[in-house]
């Protein structure tokens, strides 16, 4: 993981960075104005789930994801 993060940090290309993170198979976290005060978990398949962090763990707002990313 350290090597991946080092490689990503060296890249100035945001699209390449997003692709590298998705290829690693880990979830990404973002914000969304449709869900103020919440964090959106974006899985490698594009599934987006709003929630919050508690004790460094993601807790979904509800059981069902809200959709898939278009990117």
PDB file of N, CA and C in Angstrom:
ATOM      1  N   UNK A   1       0.823  -1.181   0.000  1.00  0.00           N
ATOM      2  CA  UNK A   1       0.000   0.000   0.000  1.00  0.00           C
ATOM      3  C   UNK A   1       0.872   1.252   0.000  1.00  0.00           C
ATOM      4  N   UNK A   2       1.954   1.232   0.759  1.00  0.00           N
ATOM      5  CA  UNK A   2       2.850   2.385   0.816  1.00  0.00           C
ATOM      6  C   UNK A   2       3.391   2.716  -0.568  1.00  0.00           C
ATOM      7  N   UNK A   3       3.815   1.693  -1.321  1.00  0.00           N
ATOM      8  CA  UNK A   3       4.347   1.928  -2.663  1.00  0.00           C
ATOM      9  C   UNK A   3       3.291   2.541  -3.577  1.00  0.00           C
ATOM     10  N   UNK A   4       2.057   2.047  -3.482  1.00  0.00           N
ATOM     11  CA  UNK A   4       0.968   2.590  -4.293  1.00  0.00           C
ATOM     12  C   UNK A   4       0.730   4.059  -3.955  1.00  0.00           C
ATOM     13  N   UNK A   5       0.675   4.389  -2.676  1.00  0.00           N
ATOM     14  CA  UNK A   5       0.444   5.777  -2.272  1.00  0.00           C
ATOM     15  C   UNK A   5       1.594   6.686  -2.694  1.00  0.00           C
ATOM     16  N   UNK A   6       2.814   6.197  -2.624  1.00  0.00           N
ATOM     17  CA  UNK A   6       3.972   6.978  -3.055  1.00  0.00           C
ATOM     18  C   UNK A   6       3.895   7.261  -4.545  1.00  0.00           C
ATOM     19  N   UNK A   7       3.539   6.252  -5.321  1.00  0.00           N
ATOM     20  CA  UNK A   7       3.409   6.403  -6.769  1.00  0.00           C
ATOM     21  C   UNK A   7       2.286   7.387  -7.111  1.00  0.00           C
ATOM     22  N   UNK A   8       1.170   7.279  -6.430  1.00  0.00           N
ATOM     23  CA  UNK A   8       0.035   8.164  -6.680  1.00  0.00           C
ATOM     24  C   UNK A   8       0.384   9.605  -6.319  1.00  0.00           C
ATOM     25  N   UNK A   9       1.075   9.800  -5.214  1.00  0.00           N
ATOM     26  CA  UNK A   9       1.430  11.148  -4.774  1.00  0.00           C
ATOM     27  C   UNK A   9       2.359  11.834  -5.768  1.00  0.00           C
ATOM     28  N   UNK A  10       3.164  11.068  -6.483  1.00  0.00           N
ATOM     29  CA  UNK A  10       4.098  11.630  -7.447  1.00  0.00           C
ATOM     30  C   UNK A  10       3.407  12.054  -8.743  1.00  0.00           C
ATOM     31  N   UNK A  11       2.203  11.562  -9.000  1.00  0.00           N
ATOM     32  CA  UNK A  11       1.479  11.857 -10.236  1.00  0.00           C
ATOM     33  C   UNK A  11       0.664  13.141 -10.103  1.00  0.00           C
ATOM     34  N   UNK A  12       0.736  13.999 -11.137  1.00  0.00           N
ATOM     35  CA  UNK A  12      -0.061  15.222 -11.154  1.00  0.00           C
ATOM     36  C   UNK A  12      -1.377  15.016 -11.899  1.00  0.00           C
ATOM     37  N   UNK A  13      -1.566  13.864 -12.514  1.00  0.00           N
ATOM     38  CA  UNK A  13      -2.760  13.564 -13.306  1.00  0.00           C
ATOM     39  C   UNK A  13      -3.842  12.963 -12.413  1.00  0.00           C
ATOM     40  N   UNK A  14      -4.916  13.713 -12.150  1.00  0.00           N
ATOM     41  CA  UNK A  14      -5.979  13.254 -11.247  1.00  0.00           C
ATOM     42  C   UNK A  14      -6.684  12.011 -11.773  1.00  0.00           C
ATOM     43  N   UNK A  15      -6.916  11.931 -13.083  1.00  0.00           N
ATOM     44  CA  UNK A  15      -7.609  10.767 -13.646  1.00  0.00           C
ATOM     45  C   UNK A  15      -6.765   9.510 -13.474  1.00  0.00           C
ATOM     46  N   UNK A  16      -5.463   9.631 -13.682  1.00  0.00           N
ATOM     47  CA  UNK A  16      -4.573   8.484 -13.488  1.00  0.00           C
ATOM     48  C   UNK A  16      -4.555   8.072 -12.021  1.00  0.00           C
ATOM     49  N   UNK A  17      -4.597   9.058 -11.136  1.00  0.00           N
ATOM     50  CA  UNK A  17      -4.624   8.776  -9.701  1.00  0.00           C
ATOM     51  C   UNK A  17      -5.897   8.034  -9.322  1.00  0.00           C
ATOM     52  N   UNK A  18      -7.054   8.511  -9.812  1.00  0.00           N
ATOM     53  CA  UNK A  18      -8.323   7.837  -9.516  1.00  0.00           C
ATOM     54  C   UNK A  18      -8.325   6.417 -10.070  1.00  0.00           C
ATOM     55  N   UNK A  19      -7.793   6.238 -11.273  1.00  0.00           N
ATOM     56  CA  UNK A  19      -7.750   4.902 -11.881  1.00  0.00           C
ATOM     57  C   UNK A  19      -6.867   3.963 -11.066  1.00  0.00           C
ATOM     58  N   UNK A  20      -5.738   4.462 -10.576  1.00  0.00           N
ATOM     59  CA  UNK A  20      -4.836   3.631  -9.772  1.00  0.00           C
ATOM     60  C   UNK A  20      -5.495   3.223  -8.460  1.00  0.00           C
ATOM     61  N   UNK A  21      -6.211   4.147  -7.829  1.00  0.00           N
ATOM     62  CA  UNK A  21      -6.898   3.818  -6.576  1.00  0.00           C
ATOM     63  C   UNK A  21      -8.006   2.794  -6.813  1.00  0.00           C
ATOM     64  N   UNK A  22      -8.765   2.963  -7.900  1.00  0.00           N
ATOM     65  CA  UNK A  22      -9.827   1.999  -8.206  1.00  0.00           C
ATOM     66  C   UNK A  22      -9.250   0.623  -8.510  1.00  0.00           C
ATOM     67  N   UNK A  23      -8.127   0.592  -9.228  1.00  0.00           N
ATOM     68  CA  UNK A  23      -7.496  -0.683  -9.578  1.00  0.00           C
ATOM     69  C   UNK A  23      -7.016  -1.422  -8.336  1.00  0.00           C
ATOM     70  N   UNK A  24      -6.699  -0.683  -7.282  1.00  0.00           N
ATOM     71  CA  UNK A  24      -6.240  -1.315  -6.041  1.00  0.00           C
ATOM     72  C   UNK A  24      -7.378  -2.039  -5.336  1.00  0.00           C
ATOM     73  N   UNK A  25      -8.631  -1.746  -5.739  1.00  0.00           N
ATOM     74  CA  UNK A  25      -9.782  -2.437  -5.164  1.00  0.00           C
ATOM     75  C   UNK A  25     -10.226  -1.921  -3.809  1.00  0.00           C
ATOM     76  N   UNK A  26      -9.723  -0.772  -3.407  1.00  0.00           N
ATOM     77  CA  UNK A  26     -10.124  -0.218  -2.120  1.00  0.00           C
ATOM     78  C   UNK A  26     -11.205   0.841  -2.318  1.00  0.00           C
ATOM     79  N   UNK A  27     -11.963   1.098  -1.298  1.00  0.00           N
ATOM     80  CA  UNK A  27     -13.010   2.117  -1.365  1.00  0.00           C
ATOM     81  C   UNK A  27     -12.384   3.506  -1.350  1.00  0.00           C
ATOM     82  N   UNK A  28     -13.040   4.431  -2.041  1.00  0.00           N
ATOM     83  CA  UNK A  28     -12.673   5.839  -1.993  1.00  0.00           C
ATOM     84  C   UNK A  28     -13.739   6.554  -1.171  1.00  0.00           C
ATOM     85  N   UNK A  29     -13.404   7.709  -0.641  1.00  0.00           N
ATOM     86  CA  UNK A  29     -14.361   8.479   0.147  1.00  0.00           C
ATOM     87  C   UNK A  29     -14.408   9.899  -0.390  1.00  0.00           C
ATOM     88  N   UNK A  30     -15.615  10.440  -0.492  1.00  0.00           N
ATOM     89  CA  UNK A  30     -15.815  11.765  -1.063  1.00  0.00           C
ATOM     90  C   UNK A  30     -16.949  12.462  -0.328  1.00  0.00           C
ATOM     91  N   UNK A  31     -17.188  13.704  -0.709  1.00  0.00           N
ATOM     92  CA  UNK A  31     -18.349  14.433  -0.206  1.00  0.00           C
ATOM     93  C   UNK A  31     -19.319  14.628  -1.360  1.00  0.00           C
ATOM     94  N   UNK A  32     -20.564  14.945  -1.031  1.00  0.00           N
ATOM     95  CA  UNK A  32     -21.598  15.152  -2.041  1.00  0.00           C
ATOM     96  C   UNK A  32     -22.562  16.193  -1.494  1.00  0.00           C
ATOM     97  N   UNK A  33     -22.814  17.279  -2.238  1.00  0.00           N
ATOM     98  CA  UNK A  33     -23.719  18.311  -1.736  1.00  0.00           C
ATOM     99  C   UNK A  33     -25.133  17.800  -1.468  1.00  0.00           C
ATOM    100  N   UNK A  34     -25.503  16.692  -2.075  1.00  0.00           N
ATOM    101  CA  UNK A  34     -26.831  16.109  -1.828  1.00  0.00           C
ATOM    102  C   UNK A  34     -26.916  15.487  -0.435  1.00  0.00           C
ATOM    103  N   UNK A  35     -25.772  15.246   0.200  1.00  0.00           N
ATOM    104  CA  UNK A  35     -25.716  14.632   1.533  1.00  0.00           C
ATOM    105  C   UNK A  35     -24.818  15.474   2.441  1.00  0.00           C
ATOM    106  N   UNK A  36     -25.247  16.693   2.801  1.00  0.00           N
ATOM    107  CA  UNK A  36     -24.408  17.556   3.633  1.00  0.00           C
ATOM    108  C   UNK A  36     -24.099  16.918   4.985  1.00  0.00           C
ATOM    109  N   UNK A  37     -22.842  17.043   5.382  1.00  0.00           N
ATOM    110  CA  UNK A  37     -22.426  16.504   6.669  1.00  0.00           C
ATOM    111  C   UNK A  37     -22.106  15.026   6.648  1.00  0.00           C
ATOM    112  N   UNK A  38     -22.257  14.377   5.495  1.00  0.00           N
ATOM    113  CA  UNK A  38     -21.975  12.946   5.392  1.00  0.00           C
ATOM    114  C   UNK A  38     -20.793  12.704   4.463  1.00  0.00           C
ATOM    115  N   UNK A  39     -20.277  11.503   4.513  1.00  0.00           N
ATOM    116  CA  UNK A  39     -19.206  11.048   3.637  1.00  0.00           C
ATOM    117  C   UNK A  39     -19.808  10.020   2.694  1.00  0.00           C
ATOM    118  N   UNK A  40     -19.364  10.019   1.435  1.00  0.00           N
ATOM    119  CA  UNK A  40     -19.830   9.046   0.463  1.00  0.00           C
ATOM    120  C   UNK A  40     -18.726   8.021   0.243  1.00  0.00           C
ATOM    121  N   UNK A  41     -19.051   6.755   0.474  1.00  0.00           N
ATOM    122  CA  UNK A  41     -18.116   5.661   0.192  1.00  0.00           C
ATOM    123  C   UNK A  41     -18.345   5.242  -1.258  1.00  0.00           C
ATOM    124  N   UNK A  42     -17.281   5.238  -2.061  1.00  0.00           N
ATOM    125  CA  UNK A  42     -17.379   4.848  -3.462  1.00  0.00           C
ATOM    126  C   UNK A  42     -16.559   3.571  -3.639  1.00  0.00           C
ATOM    127  N   UNK A  43     -17.251   2.473  -3.936  1.00  0.00           N
ATOM    128  CA  UNK A  43     -16.578   1.195  -4.136  1.00  0.00           C
ATOM    129  C   UNK A  43     -15.996   1.116  -5.539  1.00  0.00           C
ATOM    130  N   UNK A  44     -15.112   0.150  -5.784  1.00  0.00           N
ATOM    131  CA  UNK A  44     -14.445   0.035  -7.076  1.00  0.00           C
ATOM    132  C   UNK A  44     -15.418  -0.205  -8.222  1.00  0.00           C
ATOM    133  N   UNK A  45     -16.614  -0.731  -7.948  1.00  0.00           N
ATOM    134  CA  UNK A  45     -17.612  -0.933  -9.010  1.00  0.00           C
ATOM    135  C   UNK A  45     -18.470   0.309  -9.230  1.00  0.00           C
ATOM    136  N   UNK A  46     -18.185   1.397  -8.497  1.00  0.00           N
ATOM    137  CA  UNK A  46     -18.922   2.644  -8.651  1.00  0.00           C
ATOM    138  C   UNK A  46     -20.082   2.817  -7.693  1.00  0.00           C
ATOM    139  N   UNK A  47     -20.376   1.819  -6.878  1.00  0.00           N
ATOM    140  CA  UNK A  47     -21.466   1.919  -5.910  1.00  0.00           C
ATOM    141  C   UNK A  47     -21.154   3.013  -4.893  1.00  0.00           C
ATOM    142  N   UNK A  48     -22.120   3.904  -4.674  1.00  0.00           N
ATOM    143  CA  UNK A  48     -21.960   5.034  -3.759  1.00  0.00           C
ATOM    144  C   UNK A  48     -22.903   4.867  -2.572  1.00  0.00           C
ATOM    145  N   UNK A  49     -22.341   4.971  -1.350  1.00  0.00           N
ATOM    146  CA  UNK A  49     -23.132   4.807  -0.139  1.00  0.00           C
ATOM    147  C   UNK A  49     -22.835   5.955   0.825  1.00  0.00           C
ATOM    148  N   UNK A  50     -23.846   6.746   1.205  1.00  0.00           N
ATOM    149  CA  UNK A  50     -23.613   7.811   2.182  1.00  0.00           C
ATOM    150  C   UNK A  50     -23.510   7.238   3.596  1.00  0.00           C
ATOM    151  N   UNK A  51     -22.725   7.889   4.426  1.00  0.00           N
ATOM    152  CA  UNK A  51     -22.588   7.452   5.808  1.00  0.00           C
ATOM    153  C   UNK A  51     -21.691   8.398   6.584  1.00  0.00           C
ATOM    154  N   UNK A  52     -21.125   7.890   7.654  1.00  0.00           N
ATOM    155  CA  UNK A  52     -20.244   8.699   8.499  1.00  0.00           C
ATOM    156  C   UNK A  52     -19.130   7.807   9.044  1.00  0.00           C
ATOM    157  N   UNK A  53     -18.113   8.425   9.589  1.00  0.00           N
ATOM    158  CA  UNK A  53     -17.025   7.680  10.212  1.00  0.00           C
ATOM    159  C   UNK A  53     -17.212   7.682  11.718  1.00  0.00           C
ATOM    160  N   UNK A  54     -17.095   6.508  12.309  1.00  0.00           N
ATOM    161  CA  UNK A  54     -17.116   6.346  13.759  1.00  0.00           C
ATOM    162  C   UNK A  54     -15.934   5.470  14.138  1.00  0.00           C
ATOM    163  N   UNK A  55     -15.071   6.003  14.984  1.00  0.00           N
ATOM    164  CA  UNK A  55     -13.888   5.252  15.423  1.00  0.00           C
ATOM    165  C   UNK A  55     -13.121   4.691  14.231  1.00  0.00           C
ATOM    166  N   UNK A  56     -12.942   5.547  13.195  1.00  0.00           N
ATOM    167  CA  UNK A  56     -12.183   5.207  11.990  1.00  0.00           C
ATOM    168  C   UNK A  56     -12.827   4.112  11.148  1.00  0.00           C
ATOM    169  N   UNK A  57     -14.121   3.864  11.344  1.00  0.00           N
ATOM    170  CA  UNK A  57     -14.860   2.883  10.538  1.00  0.00           C
ATOM    171  C   UNK A  57     -16.010   3.586   9.835  1.00  0.00           C
ATOM    172  N   UNK A  58     -16.264   3.196   8.587  1.00  0.00           N
ATOM    173  CA  UNK A  58     -17.373   3.772   7.837  1.00  0.00           C
ATOM    174  C   UNK A  58     -18.668   3.101   8.263  1.00  0.00           C
ATOM    175  N   UNK A  59     -19.657   3.903   8.639  1.00  0.00           N
ATOM    176  CA  UNK A  59     -20.973   3.411   9.049  1.00  0.00           C
ATOM    177  C   UNK A  59     -21.988   3.924   8.025  1.00  0.00           C
ATOM    178  N   UNK A  60     -22.608   3.027   7.230  1.00  0.00           N
ATOM    179  CA  UNK A  60     -23.577   3.472   6.229  1.00  0.00           C
ATOM    180  C   UNK A  60     -24.792   4.133   6.873  1.00  0.00           C
ATOM    181  N   UNK A  61     -25.350   5.126   6.190  1.00  0.00           N
ATOM    182  CA  UNK A  61     -26.547   5.809   6.657  1.00  0.00           C
ATOM    183  C   UNK A  61     -27.734   4.856   6.650  1.00  0.00           C
ATOM    184  N   UNK A  62     -27.817   4.035   5.611  1.00  0.00           N
ATOM    185  CA  UNK A  62     -28.861   3.019   5.518  1.00  0.00           C
ATOM    186  C   UNK A  62     -28.276   1.817   4.785  1.00  0.00           C
ATOM    187  N   UNK A  63     -29.030   0.744   4.702  1.00  0.00           N
ATOM    188  CA  UNK A  63     -28.503  -0.496   4.150  1.00  0.00           C
ATOM    189  C   UNK A  63     -28.286  -0.482   2.642  1.00  0.00           C
ATOM    190  N   UNK A  64     -29.024   0.355   1.911  1.00  0.00           N
ATOM    191  CA  UNK A  64     -28.944   0.318   0.457  1.00  0.00           C
ATOM    192  C   UNK A  64     -28.091   1.456  -0.090  1.00  0.00           C
ATOM    193  N   UNK A  65     -27.215   1.158  -1.075  1.00  0.00           N
ATOM    194  CA  UNK A  65     -26.440   2.212  -1.723  1.00  0.00           C
ATOM    195  C   UNK A  65     -27.356   3.147  -2.507  1.00  0.00           C
ATOM    196  N   UNK A  66     -26.871   4.347  -2.821  1.00  0.00           N
ATOM    197  CA  UNK A  66     -27.690   5.332  -3.528  1.00  0.00           C
ATOM    198  C   UNK A  66     -27.513   5.282  -5.037  1.00  0.00           C
ATOM    199  N   UNK A  67     -26.568   4.543  -5.533  1.00  0.00           N
ATOM    200  CA  UNK A  67     -26.379   4.456  -6.973  1.00  0.00           C
ATOM    201  C   UNK A  67     -24.938   4.213  -7.332  1.00  0.00           C
ATOM    202  N   UNK A  68     -24.673   4.390  -8.607  1.00  0.00           N
ATOM    203  CA  UNK A  68     -23.324   4.179  -9.117  1.00  0.00           C
ATOM    204  C   UNK A  68     -22.791   5.458  -9.720  1.00  0.00           C
ATOM    205  N   UNK A  69     -21.502   5.604  -9.635  1.00  0.00           N
ATOM    206  CA  UNK A  69     -20.810   6.762 -10.180  1.00  0.00           C
ATOM    207  C   UNK A  69     -20.795   6.690 -11.702  1.00  0.00           C
ATOM    208  N   UNK A  70     -20.829   7.840 -12.336  1.00  0.00           N
ATOM    209  CA  UNK A  70     -20.757   7.897 -13.793  1.00  0.00           C
ATOM    210  C   UNK A  70     -19.318   7.945 -14.274  1.00  0.00           C
ATOM    211  N   UNK A  71     -18.347   8.134 -13.396  1.00  0.00           N
ATOM    212  CA  UNK A  71     -16.942   8.265 -13.791  1.00  0.00           C
ATOM    213  C   UNK A  71     -16.243   6.949 -13.879  1.00  0.00           C
TER     214      UNK A  71
END
